[in-house]
Amino acid sequence: MKFAEAVQFVFSNYATFTGRAGRSEFWYWILFTFLVSIVISILASMITPSLSYVGNLFSLATLMPTIAVAARRMHDIGKSGWWQIVPLYNIYLAVQPSEGANAYGTGPATAPVAA
């Protein structure tokens, strides 16, 4: 899954906690939220510090899809979505390769590919 596809797919599955998410989908989402947060912070500091609320709004808007994609990523390796509340172990699990078919489905969902 490419960067733009992953971001679009996560937004289209805003609060979907079922299914699976591959490593690329999860890590592209994390990269997207990190980069946008950095850009918002730089712009807010350059223009006026009172614009920091925009960063807060972005963080609030991306909180639910971040939790959802993390839960789907845990499902992809055969773990419950609740494992994401264990910070260091969660990072270890997030970098693990996808598992074959498991209790959460046959494989990571992918964005539809245009023919």
C-alpha atoms as a PDB file:
ATOM      1  CA  MET A   1       0.000   0.000   0.000  1.00  0.00           C
ATOM      2  CA  LYS A   2       1.366   3.404  -0.935  1.00  0.00           C
ATOM      3  CA  PHE A   3       1.408   6.492   1.277  1.00  0.00           C
ATOM      4  CA  ALA A   4      -1.655   8.262  -0.170  1.00  0.00           C
ATOM      5  CA  GLU A   5      -3.660   5.024  -0.343  1.00  0.00           C
ATOM      6  CA  ALA A   6      -2.879   4.234   3.286  1.00  0.00           C
ATOM      7  CA  VAL A   7      -3.921   7.676   4.527  1.00  0.00           C
ATOM      8  CA  GLN A   8      -7.111   7.598   2.489  1.00  0.00           C
ATOM      9  CA  PHE A   9      -7.898   4.058   3.635  1.00  0.00           C
ATOM     10  CA  VAL A  10      -7.435   4.940   7.320  1.00  0.00           C
ATOM     11  CA  PHE A  11      -9.682   8.002   6.967  1.00  0.00           C
ATOM     12  CA  SER A  12     -12.320   5.935   5.160  1.00  0.00           C
ATOM     13  CA  ASN A  13     -12.218   3.418   8.040  1.00  0.00           C
ATOM     14  CA  TYR A  14     -12.253   6.178  10.651  1.00  0.00           C
ATOM     15  CA  ALA A  15     -13.608   4.105  13.533  1.00  0.00           C
ATOM     16  CA  THR A  16     -13.384   0.548  12.212  1.00  0.00           C
ATOM     17  CA  PHE A  17     -11.845  -1.662  14.867  1.00  0.00           C
ATOM     18  CA  THR A  18     -12.445  -4.950  13.059  1.00  0.00           C
ATOM     19  CA  GLY A  19     -10.271  -6.452  10.385  1.00  0.00           C
ATOM     20  CA  ARG A  20      -6.552  -6.158   9.866  1.00  0.00           C
ATOM     21  CA  ALA A  21      -4.021  -3.482   8.875  1.00  0.00           C
ATOM     22  CA  GLY A  22      -0.662  -4.272   7.348  1.00  0.00           C
ATOM     23  CA  ARG A  23       2.608  -2.678   8.395  1.00  0.00           C
ATOM     24  CA  SER A  24       2.623  -0.207   5.512  1.00  0.00           C
ATOM     25  CA  GLU A  25      -0.870   1.058   6.310  1.00  0.00           C
ATOM     26  CA  PHE A  26      -0.036   1.545   9.984  1.00  0.00           C
ATOM     27  CA  TRP A  27       3.392   3.136   9.554  1.00  0.00           C
ATOM     28  CA  TYR A  28       2.305   5.415   6.692  1.00  0.00           C
ATOM     29  CA  TRP A  29      -0.492   6.650   8.934  1.00  0.00           C
ATOM     30  CA  ILE A  30       1.948   7.319  11.772  1.00  0.00           C
ATOM     31  CA  LEU A  31       4.256   9.156   9.328  1.00  0.00           C
ATOM     32  CA  PHE A  32       1.341  11.232   8.007  1.00  0.00           C
ATOM     33  CA  THR A  33       0.188  12.334  11.455  1.00  0.00           C
ATOM     34  CA  PHE A  34       3.775  13.096  12.513  1.00  0.00           C
ATOM     35  CA  LEU A  35       4.535  15.206   9.426  1.00  0.00           C
ATOM     36  CA  VAL A  36       1.287  17.144   9.577  1.00  0.00           C
ATOM     37  CA  SER A  37       1.829  17.830  13.286  1.00  0.00           C
ATOM     38  CA  ILE A  38       5.330  19.154  12.563  1.00  0.00           C
ATOM     39  CA  VAL A  39       4.062  21.396   9.752  1.00  0.00           C
ATOM     40  CA  ILE A  40       1.256  22.753  11.925  1.00  0.00           C
ATOM     41  CA  SER A  41       3.694  23.440  14.768  1.00  0.00           C
ATOM     42  CA  ILE A  42       6.125  25.275  12.480  1.00  0.00           C
ATOM     43  CA  LEU A  43       3.379  27.338  10.884  1.00  0.00           C
ATOM     44  CA  ALA A  44       1.854  28.193  14.249  1.00  0.00           C
ATOM     45  CA  SER A  45       5.207  29.357  15.614  1.00  0.00           C
ATOM     46  CA  MET A  46       5.961  31.401  12.492  1.00  0.00           C
ATOM     47  CA  ILE A  47       2.578  33.085  12.200  1.00  0.00           C
ATOM     48  CA  THR A  48       1.333  33.389  15.750  1.00  0.00           C
ATOM     49  CA  PRO A  49       1.437  31.094  18.793  1.00  0.00           C
ATOM     50  CA  SER A  50      -2.310  31.460  19.215  1.00  0.00           C
ATOM     51  CA  LEU A  51      -2.718  29.140  16.211  1.00  0.00           C
ATOM     52  CA  SER A  52      -1.584  26.208  18.327  1.00  0.00           C
ATOM     53  CA  TYR A  53      -5.244  25.263  18.710  1.00  0.00           C
ATOM     54  CA  VAL A  54      -5.109  24.043  15.084  1.00  0.00           C
ATOM     55  CA  GLY A  55      -2.594  21.390  16.166  1.00  0.00           C
ATOM     56  CA  ASN A  56      -4.868  20.421  19.033  1.00  0.00           C
ATOM     57  CA  LEU A  57      -7.808  20.091  16.653  1.00  0.00           C
ATOM     58  CA  PHE A  58      -5.736  17.945  14.283  1.00  0.00           C
ATOM     59  CA  SER A  59      -4.659  15.704  17.152  1.00  0.00           C
ATOM     60  CA  LEU A  60      -8.242  15.352  18.303  1.00  0.00           C
ATOM     61  CA  ALA A  61      -9.465  14.630  14.761  1.00  0.00           C
ATOM     62  CA  THR A  62      -6.864  11.903  14.226  1.00  0.00           C
ATOM     63  CA  LEU A  63      -7.125  10.277  17.649  1.00  0.00           C
ATOM     64  CA  MET A  64      -9.913   7.832  16.761  1.00  0.00           C
ATOM     65  CA  PRO A  65      -8.443   6.665  13.428  1.00  0.00           C
ATOM     66  CA  THR A  66      -5.034   6.236  15.098  1.00  0.00           C
ATOM     67  CA  ILE A  67      -6.508   3.996  17.777  1.00  0.00           C
ATOM     68  CA  ALA A  68      -8.508   2.101  15.134  1.00  0.00           C
ATOM     69  CA  VAL A  69      -5.554   1.472  12.796  1.00  0.00           C
ATOM     70  CA  ALA A  70      -3.412   0.419  15.773  1.00  0.00           C
ATOM     71  CA  ALA A  71      -6.090  -2.087  16.830  1.00  0.00           C
ATOM     72  CA  ARG A  72      -6.278  -3.439  13.275  1.00  0.00           C
ATOM     73  CA  ARG A  73      -2.458  -3.683  13.220  1.00  0.00           C
ATOM     74  CA  MET A  74      -2.547  -5.748  16.421  1.00  0.00           C
ATOM     75  CA  HIS A  75      -5.176  -7.984  14.800  1.00  0.00           C
ATOM     76  CA  ASP A  76      -2.845  -8.489  11.832  1.00  0.00           C
ATOM     77  CA  ILE A  77      -0.294 -10.183  14.055  1.00  0.00           C
ATOM     78  CA  GLY A  78      -2.901 -12.212  15.932  1.00  0.00           C
ATOM     79  CA  LYS A  79      -3.139 -10.059  19.070  1.00  0.00           C
ATOM     80  CA  SER A  80      -6.028  -8.245  20.657  1.00  0.00           C
ATOM     81  CA  GLY A  81      -6.305  -4.522  19.973  1.00  0.00           C
ATOM     82  CA  TRP A  82      -5.888  -3.925  23.694  1.00  0.00           C
ATOM     83  CA  TRP A  83      -2.136  -4.620  23.367  1.00  0.00           C
ATOM     84  CA  GLN A  84      -1.695  -1.085  22.070  1.00  0.00           C
ATOM     85  CA  ILE A  85      -1.936   0.271  25.615  1.00  0.00           C
ATOM     86  CA  VAL A  86       1.454  -1.307  26.476  1.00  0.00           C
ATOM     87  CA  PRO A  87       3.782   1.347  24.948  1.00  0.00           C
ATOM     88  CA  LEU A  88       7.126  -0.356  24.344  1.00  0.00           C
ATOM     89  CA  TYR A  89       5.691  -3.778  23.611  1.00  0.00           C
ATOM     90  CA  ASN A  90       3.233  -2.131  21.212  1.00  0.00           C
ATOM     91  CA  ILE A  91       6.120  -0.764  19.132  1.00  0.00           C
ATOM     92  CA  TYR A  92       7.709  -4.219  19.056  1.00  0.00           C
ATOM     93  CA  LEU A  93       4.423  -5.755  17.907  1.00  0.00           C
ATOM     94  CA  ALA A  94       3.806  -3.064  15.286  1.00  0.00           C
ATOM     95  CA  VAL A  95       7.012  -3.935  13.419  1.00  0.00           C
ATOM     96  CA  GLN A  96       6.274  -7.670  13.290  1.00  0.00           C
ATOM     97  CA  PRO A  97       5.379  -9.189   9.897  1.00  0.00           C
ATOM     98  CA  SER A  98       1.784 -10.038   9.079  1.00  0.00           C
ATOM     99  CA  GLU A  99       0.471 -13.365  10.229  1.00  0.00           C
ATOM    100  CA  GLY A 100      -1.362 -15.689   7.882  1.00  0.00           C
ATOM    101  CA  ALA A 101      -5.070 -16.253   8.336  1.00  0.00           C
ATOM    102  CA  ASN A 102      -6.035 -15.856  11.979  1.00  0.00           C
ATOM    103  CA  ALA A 103      -9.095 -15.201  14.133  1.00  0.00           C
ATOM    104  CA  TYR A 104      -9.310 -11.634  12.807  1.00  0.00           C
ATOM    105  CA  GLY A 105      -9.453 -12.460   9.089  1.00  0.00           C
ATOM    106  CA  THR A 106      -7.497 -13.801   6.153  1.00  0.00           C
ATOM    107  CA  GLY A 107      -5.136 -10.870   5.602  1.00  0.00           C
ATOM    108  CA  PRO A 108      -4.750  -7.117   5.815  1.00  0.00           C
ATOM    109  CA  ALA A 109      -7.440  -5.114   4.069  1.00  0.00           C
ATOM    110  CA  THR A 110      -6.220  -3.170   1.095  1.00  0.00           C
ATOM    111  CA  ALA A 111      -7.530  -0.127  -0.631  1.00  0.00           C
ATOM    112  CA  PRO A 112      -9.309  -0.830  -3.904  1.00  0.00           C
ATOM    113  CA  VAL A 113      -6.924  -0.660  -6.841  1.00  0.00           C
ATOM    114  CA  ALA A 114      -8.100   1.234  -9.910  1.00  0.00           C
ATOM    115  CA  ALA A 115      -7.988  -0.935 -13.014  1.00  0.00           C
END
